[in-house]
Amino acid sequence: EMAARYIHNNSDRANSPFVVVNCAAIEADRMDVILFGLEGKNRSQSEGLLEQADGGTIYLEEVADIPLTTQSKLLHVLVQNGFTRIGGDDKVKVDFRVISSTSQNLEQAIEQRNFKGELFHRLNVVPVFVPSLAERSEDIPVIADHFLRLFHETKGHPLRALTNDAADLLQNMAWP
């Protein structure tokens, strides 16, 4: 999410919405309503997250957890730049950047027919690999120093330096 926010904040969409969708936390039977919104019989409507992201960026965290039926609908949105709310008839036009992430192997999920290959190709235009802390342990002292300074400047905590022992301990931790 930090990488997605960085991309958004340093783009021409920085002053527009940044919408986070934690796909793993949304129940499969609620995904369509949450993404596409709802339109009632009396024309009452509630915006979905796709509509809220219009003009900005939508970040799909754990995109592999989107149900297959919703993946097809999302692919249609990316192709058509629009959708209809659940229960509605009017097309809602949208223009947003999509940034997605997953801890799963999407190519394997495609082979197992758990993820749509067409959606993968639409989302995988500019792949960005963000290594885990375990893979970049040499960066941990720099990151820790950044946060020590940040907490000093924003929270008034005393400015402290990271000791060599503390840096070694952090670098040798089993980071998830």
C-alpha atoms as a PDB file:
ATOM      1  CA  GLU A   1       0.000   0.000   0.000  1.00  0.00           C
ATOM      2  CA  MET A   2       2.882   2.354   0.714  1.00  0.00           C
ATOM      3  CA  ALA A   3       4.197   1.857  -2.824  1.00  0.00           C
ATOM      4  CA  ALA A   4       0.709   2.440  -4.256  1.00  0.00           C
ATOM      5  CA  ARG A   5       0.303   5.636  -2.207  1.00  0.00           C
ATOM      6  CA  TYR A   6       3.726   6.809  -3.336  1.00  0.00           C
ATOM      7  CA  ILE A   7       2.783   6.314  -6.989  1.00  0.00           C
ATOM      8  CA  HIS A   8      -0.546   8.080  -6.461  1.00  0.00           C
ATOM      9  CA  ASN A   9       0.924  10.993  -4.490  1.00  0.00           C
ATOM     10  CA  ASN A  10       3.597  11.614  -7.121  1.00  0.00           C
ATOM     11  CA  SER A  11       1.252  11.556 -10.098  1.00  0.00           C
ATOM     12  CA  ASP A  12      -1.085  13.962 -11.820  1.00  0.00           C
ATOM     13  CA  ARG A  13      -3.911  12.307  -9.827  1.00  0.00           C
ATOM     14  CA  ALA A  14      -2.430  13.232  -6.438  1.00  0.00           C
ATOM     15  CA  ASN A  15      -5.258  15.634  -5.581  1.00  0.00           C
ATOM     16  CA  SER A  16      -7.922  13.080  -6.482  1.00  0.00           C
ATOM     17  CA  PRO A  17      -9.230  10.163  -4.414  1.00  0.00           C
ATOM     18  CA  PHE A  18      -7.065   7.247  -3.350  1.00  0.00           C
ATOM     19  CA  VAL A  19      -9.379   4.317  -2.565  1.00  0.00           C
ATOM     20  CA  VAL A  20      -8.113   1.165  -0.875  1.00  0.00           C
ATOM     21  CA  VAL A  21      -9.971  -2.117  -1.389  1.00  0.00           C
ATOM     22  CA  ASN A  22      -8.819  -4.963   0.840  1.00  0.00           C
ATOM     23  CA  CYS A  23     -10.188  -7.758  -1.343  1.00  0.00           C
ATOM     24  CA  ALA A  24      -9.301 -10.448   1.205  1.00  0.00           C
ATOM     25  CA  ALA A  25     -11.480  -8.799   3.850  1.00  0.00           C
ATOM     26  CA  ILE A  26     -14.648  -8.561   1.728  1.00  0.00           C
ATOM     27  CA  GLU A  27     -17.057 -11.470   1.706  1.00  0.00           C
ATOM     28  CA  ALA A  28     -17.478 -12.920  -1.789  1.00  0.00           C
ATOM     29  CA  ASP A  29     -21.237 -12.314  -1.858  1.00  0.00           C
ATOM     30  CA  ARG A  30     -20.744  -8.619  -0.942  1.00  0.00           C
ATOM     31  CA  MET A  31     -17.906  -7.842  -3.376  1.00  0.00           C
ATOM     32  CA  ASP A  32     -20.119  -6.678  -6.279  1.00  0.00           C
ATOM     33  CA  VAL A  33     -22.144  -4.264  -4.147  1.00  0.00           C
ATOM     34  CA  ILE A  34     -19.039  -2.843  -2.489  1.00  0.00           C
ATOM     35  CA  LEU A  35     -17.245  -2.297  -5.801  1.00  0.00           C
ATOM     36  CA  PHE A  36     -20.118  -1.310  -8.083  1.00  0.00           C
ATOM     37  CA  GLY A  37     -22.630   0.260  -5.697  1.00  0.00           C
ATOM     38  CA  LEU A  38     -26.339  -0.282  -5.522  1.00  0.00           C
ATOM     39  CA  GLU A  39     -29.352   1.285  -7.168  1.00  0.00           C
ATOM     40  CA  GLY A  40     -32.785   0.720  -5.662  1.00  0.00           C
ATOM     41  CA  LYS A  41     -36.157   0.496  -7.392  1.00  0.00           C
ATOM     42  CA  ASN A  42     -36.993   4.055  -6.366  1.00  0.00           C
ATOM     43  CA  ARG A  43     -33.744   5.223  -8.072  1.00  0.00           C
ATOM     44  CA  SER A  44     -31.984   5.637  -4.717  1.00  0.00           C
ATOM     45  CA  GLN A  45     -28.309   4.868  -5.116  1.00  0.00           C
ATOM     46  CA  SER A  46     -25.188   4.203  -3.145  1.00  0.00           C
ATOM     47  CA  GLU A  47     -21.785   4.662  -4.711  1.00  0.00           C
ATOM     48  CA  GLY A  48     -19.432   1.740  -4.869  1.00  0.00           C
ATOM     49  CA  LEU A  49     -15.696   2.026  -4.403  1.00  0.00           C
ATOM     50  CA  LEU A  50     -15.060   2.126  -8.168  1.00  0.00           C
ATOM     51  CA  GLU A  51     -17.212   5.224  -8.453  1.00  0.00           C
ATOM     52  CA  GLN A  52     -15.565   6.791  -5.410  1.00  0.00           C
ATOM     53  CA  ALA A  53     -12.172   6.348  -7.089  1.00  0.00           C
ATOM     54  CA  ASP A  54     -13.240   8.257 -10.223  1.00  0.00           C
ATOM     55  CA  GLY A  55     -10.479  10.640 -11.277  1.00  0.00           C
ATOM     56  CA  GLY A  56      -8.011   9.104  -8.842  1.00  0.00           C
ATOM     57  CA  THR A  57      -6.502   5.758  -7.986  1.00  0.00           C
ATOM     58  CA  ILE A  58      -8.012   2.531  -6.738  1.00  0.00           C
ATOM     59  CA  TYR A  59      -5.696   0.138  -4.941  1.00  0.00           C
ATOM     60  CA  LEU A  60      -6.837  -3.497  -5.018  1.00  0.00           C
ATOM     61  CA  GLU A  61      -4.995  -5.207  -2.178  1.00  0.00           C
ATOM     62  CA  GLU A  62      -4.888  -9.015  -2.499  1.00  0.00           C
ATOM     63  CA  VAL A  63      -6.535  -8.884  -5.926  1.00  0.00           C
ATOM     64  CA  ALA A  64      -6.331 -12.682  -6.196  1.00  0.00           C
ATOM     65  CA  ASP A  65      -9.123 -12.917  -3.612  1.00  0.00           C
ATOM     66  CA  ILE A  66     -11.698 -11.327  -5.914  1.00  0.00           C
ATOM     67  CA  PRO A  67     -14.313 -13.954  -6.895  1.00  0.00           C
ATOM     68  CA  LEU A  68     -14.182 -15.102 -10.531  1.00  0.00           C
ATOM     69  CA  THR A  69     -17.597 -13.617 -11.375  1.00  0.00           C
ATOM     70  CA  THR A  70     -16.514 -10.237 -10.037  1.00  0.00           C
ATOM     71  CA  GLN A  71     -13.197 -10.530 -11.919  1.00  0.00           C
ATOM     72  CA  SER A  72     -15.177 -10.727 -15.171  1.00  0.00           C
ATOM     73  CA  LYS A  73     -17.159  -7.615 -14.240  1.00  0.00           C
ATOM     74  CA  LEU A  74     -14.003  -5.755 -13.231  1.00  0.00           C
ATOM     75  CA  LEU A  75     -12.376  -6.672 -16.540  1.00  0.00           C
ATOM     76  CA  HIS A  76     -15.430  -5.230 -18.316  1.00  0.00           C
ATOM     77  CA  VAL A  77     -15.010  -1.973 -16.343  1.00  0.00           C
ATOM     78  CA  LEU A  78     -11.375  -1.710 -17.388  1.00  0.00           C
ATOM     79  CA  VAL A  79     -12.247  -2.279 -21.040  1.00  0.00           C
ATOM     80  CA  GLN A  80     -15.366  -0.076 -21.163  1.00  0.00           C
ATOM     81  CA  ASN A  81     -14.393   2.612 -18.587  1.00  0.00           C
ATOM     82  CA  GLY A  82     -17.812   2.211 -17.054  1.00  0.00           C
ATOM     83  CA  PHE A  83     -20.337  -0.064 -15.394  1.00  0.00           C
ATOM     84  CA  THR A  84     -23.880  -0.167 -14.063  1.00  0.00           C
ATOM     85  CA  ARG A  85     -24.635  -0.257 -10.367  1.00  0.00           C
ATOM     86  CA  ILE A  86     -26.181  -3.447  -9.017  1.00  0.00           C
ATOM     87  CA  GLY A  87     -29.919  -3.207  -9.691  1.00  0.00           C
ATOM     88  CA  GLY A  88     -29.459  -0.196 -11.974  1.00  0.00           C
ATOM     89  CA  ASP A  89     -29.757   0.550 -15.674  1.00  0.00           C
ATOM     90  CA  ASP A  90     -27.684   3.693 -16.161  1.00  0.00           C
ATOM     91  CA  LYS A  91     -24.035   3.401 -17.146  1.00  0.00           C
ATOM     92  CA  VAL A  92     -21.605   5.068 -14.764  1.00  0.00           C
ATOM     93  CA  LYS A  93     -18.486   6.343 -16.569  1.00  0.00           C
ATOM     94  CA  VAL A  94     -15.242   6.175 -14.587  1.00  0.00           C
ATOM     95  CA  ASP A  95     -11.628   7.114 -15.113  1.00  0.00           C
ATOM     96  CA  PHE A  96      -9.173   5.833 -12.529  1.00  0.00           C
ATOM     97  CA  ARG A  97      -5.736   4.302 -12.230  1.00  0.00           C
ATOM     98  CA  VAL A  98      -5.695   0.746 -10.904  1.00  0.00           C
ATOM     99  CA  ILE A  99      -2.859  -0.467  -8.730  1.00  0.00           C
ATOM    100  CA  SER A 100      -3.142  -4.015  -7.473  1.00  0.00           C
ATOM    101  CA  SER A 101      -1.099  -6.306  -5.295  1.00  0.00           C
ATOM    102  CA  THR A 102      -1.125  -9.880  -4.138  1.00  0.00           C
ATOM    103  CA  SER A 103       1.002 -12.267  -2.164  1.00  0.00           C
ATOM    104  CA  GLN A 104      -0.178 -15.111  -4.401  1.00  0.00           C
ATOM    105  CA  ASN A 105       1.312 -16.343  -7.667  1.00  0.00           C
ATOM    106  CA  LEU A 106      -1.229 -15.096 -10.217  1.00  0.00           C
ATOM    107  CA  GLU A 107       0.248 -17.074 -13.100  1.00  0.00           C
ATOM    108  CA  GLN A 108      -0.298 -20.242 -11.081  1.00  0.00           C
ATOM    109  CA  ALA A 109      -3.815 -19.065 -10.150  1.00  0.00           C
ATOM    110  CA  ILE A 110      -4.541 -18.597 -13.874  1.00  0.00           C
ATOM    111  CA  GLU A 111      -3.374 -22.150 -14.608  1.00  0.00           C
ATOM    112  CA  GLN A 112      -5.639 -23.418 -11.821  1.00  0.00           C
ATOM    113  CA  ARG A 113      -8.499 -21.329 -13.263  1.00  0.00           C
ATOM    114  CA  ASN A 114      -8.803 -19.248 -10.079  1.00  0.00           C
ATOM    115  CA  PHE A 115      -7.870 -15.978 -11.772  1.00  0.00           C
ATOM    116  CA  LYS A 116      -8.812 -14.601 -15.187  1.00  0.00           C
ATOM    117  CA  GLY A 117      -5.846 -14.356 -17.549  1.00  0.00           C
ATOM    118  CA  GLU A 118      -7.362 -11.369 -19.361  1.00  0.00           C
ATOM    119  CA  LEU A 119      -7.674  -9.453 -16.097  1.00  0.00           C
ATOM    120  CA  PHE A 120      -4.088 -10.326 -15.197  1.00  0.00           C
ATOM    121  CA  HIS A 121      -2.862  -8.880 -18.515  1.00  0.00           C
ATOM    122  CA  ARG A 122      -4.866  -5.675 -17.973  1.00  0.00           C
ATOM    123  CA  LEU A 123      -3.464  -5.250 -14.456  1.00  0.00           C
ATOM    124  CA  ASN A 124       0.107  -6.330 -15.224  1.00  0.00           C
ATOM    125  CA  VAL A 125       0.950  -3.415 -17.540  1.00  0.00           C
ATOM    126  CA  VAL A 126       3.771  -2.047 -15.369  1.00  0.00           C
ATOM    127  CA  PRO A 127       4.742  -4.697 -12.819  1.00  0.00           C
ATOM    128  CA  VAL A 128       6.511  -3.405  -9.728  1.00  0.00           C
ATOM    129  CA  PHE A 129       8.146  -5.913  -7.428  1.00  0.00           C
ATOM    130  CA  VAL A 130       8.234  -4.734  -3.820  1.00  0.00           C
ATOM    131  CA  PRO A 131      10.606  -7.005  -1.900  1.00  0.00           C
ATOM    132  CA  SER A 132       9.882  -8.023   1.658  1.00  0.00           C
ATOM    133  CA  LEU A 133      12.035  -6.839   4.546  1.00  0.00           C
ATOM    134  CA  ALA A 134      13.489 -10.341   4.735  1.00  0.00           C
ATOM    135  CA  GLU A 135      14.808  -9.880   1.195  1.00  0.00           C
ATOM    136  CA  ARG A 136      16.211  -6.397   1.894  1.00  0.00           C
ATOM    137  CA  SER A 137      17.524  -6.656   5.444  1.00  0.00           C
ATOM    138  CA  GLU A 138      20.356  -4.234   4.611  1.00  0.00           C
ATOM    139  CA  ASP A 139      17.703  -1.499   4.287  1.00  0.00           C
ATOM    140  CA  ILE A 140      16.276  -2.028   7.784  1.00  0.00           C
ATOM    141  CA  PRO A 141      18.672   0.363   9.635  1.00  0.00           C
ATOM    142  CA  VAL A 142      17.898   3.116   7.096  1.00  0.00           C
ATOM    143  CA  ILE A 143      14.149   2.541   7.470  1.00  0.00           C
ATOM    144  CA  ALA A 144      14.409   2.444  11.277  1.00  0.00           C
ATOM    145  CA  ASP A 145      16.424   5.680  11.267  1.00  0.00           C
ATOM    146  CA  HIS A 146      13.760   7.312   9.094  1.00  0.00           C
ATOM    147  CA  PHE A 147      11.013   6.416  11.558  1.00  0.00           C
ATOM    148  CA  LEU A 148      13.065   7.475  14.578  1.00  0.00           C
ATOM    149  CA  ARG A 149      13.473  10.929  12.960  1.00  0.00           C
ATOM    150  CA  LEU A 150       9.827  11.025  11.884  1.00  0.00           C
ATOM    151  CA  PHE A 151       8.589  10.279  15.418  1.00  0.00           C
ATOM    152  CA  HIS A 152      10.952  12.925  16.778  1.00  0.00           C
ATOM    153  CA  GLU A 153       9.663  15.555  14.342  1.00  0.00           C
ATOM    154  CA  THR A 154       5.956  14.712  14.447  1.00  0.00           C
ATOM    155  CA  LYS A 155       5.404  13.295  17.935  1.00  0.00           C
ATOM    156  CA  GLY A 156       8.103  15.048  19.923  1.00  0.00           C
ATOM    157  CA  HIS A 157       9.860  11.835  20.923  1.00  0.00           C
ATOM    158  CA  PRO A 158      13.521  12.237  21.866  1.00  0.00           C
ATOM    159  CA  LEU A 159      15.824  11.802  18.889  1.00  0.00           C
ATOM    160  CA  ARG A 160      17.672   8.553  19.343  1.00  0.00           C
ATOM    161  CA  ALA A 161      20.142   6.685  17.214  1.00  0.00           C
ATOM    162  CA  LEU A 162      19.764   3.018  16.423  1.00  0.00           C
ATOM    163  CA  THR A 163      22.525   1.057  18.155  1.00  0.00           C
ATOM    164  CA  ASN A 164      24.487  -1.575  16.244  1.00  0.00           C
ATOM    165  CA  ASP A 165      23.000  -4.301  18.459  1.00  0.00           C
ATOM    166  CA  ALA A 166      19.455  -3.062  17.758  1.00  0.00           C
ATOM    167  CA  ALA A 167      20.165  -2.897  14.014  1.00  0.00           C
ATOM    168  CA  ASP A 168      21.571  -6.442  14.076  1.00  0.00           C
ATOM    169  CA  LEU A 169      18.526  -7.681  15.984  1.00  0.00           C
ATOM    170  CA  LEU A 170      16.117  -6.065  13.503  1.00  0.00           C
ATOM    171  CA  GLN A 171      18.069  -7.365  10.523  1.00  0.00           C
ATOM    172  CA  ASN A 172      18.008 -10.926  11.840  1.00  0.00           C
ATOM    173  CA  MET A 173      14.316 -11.024  12.751  1.00  0.00           C
ATOM    174  CA  ALA A 174      12.015 -13.362  10.852  1.00  0.00           C
ATOM    175  CA  TRP A 175       9.905 -10.753   9.068  1.00  0.00           C
ATOM    176  CA  PRO A 176       6.543 -12.042   7.813  1.00  0.00           C
END
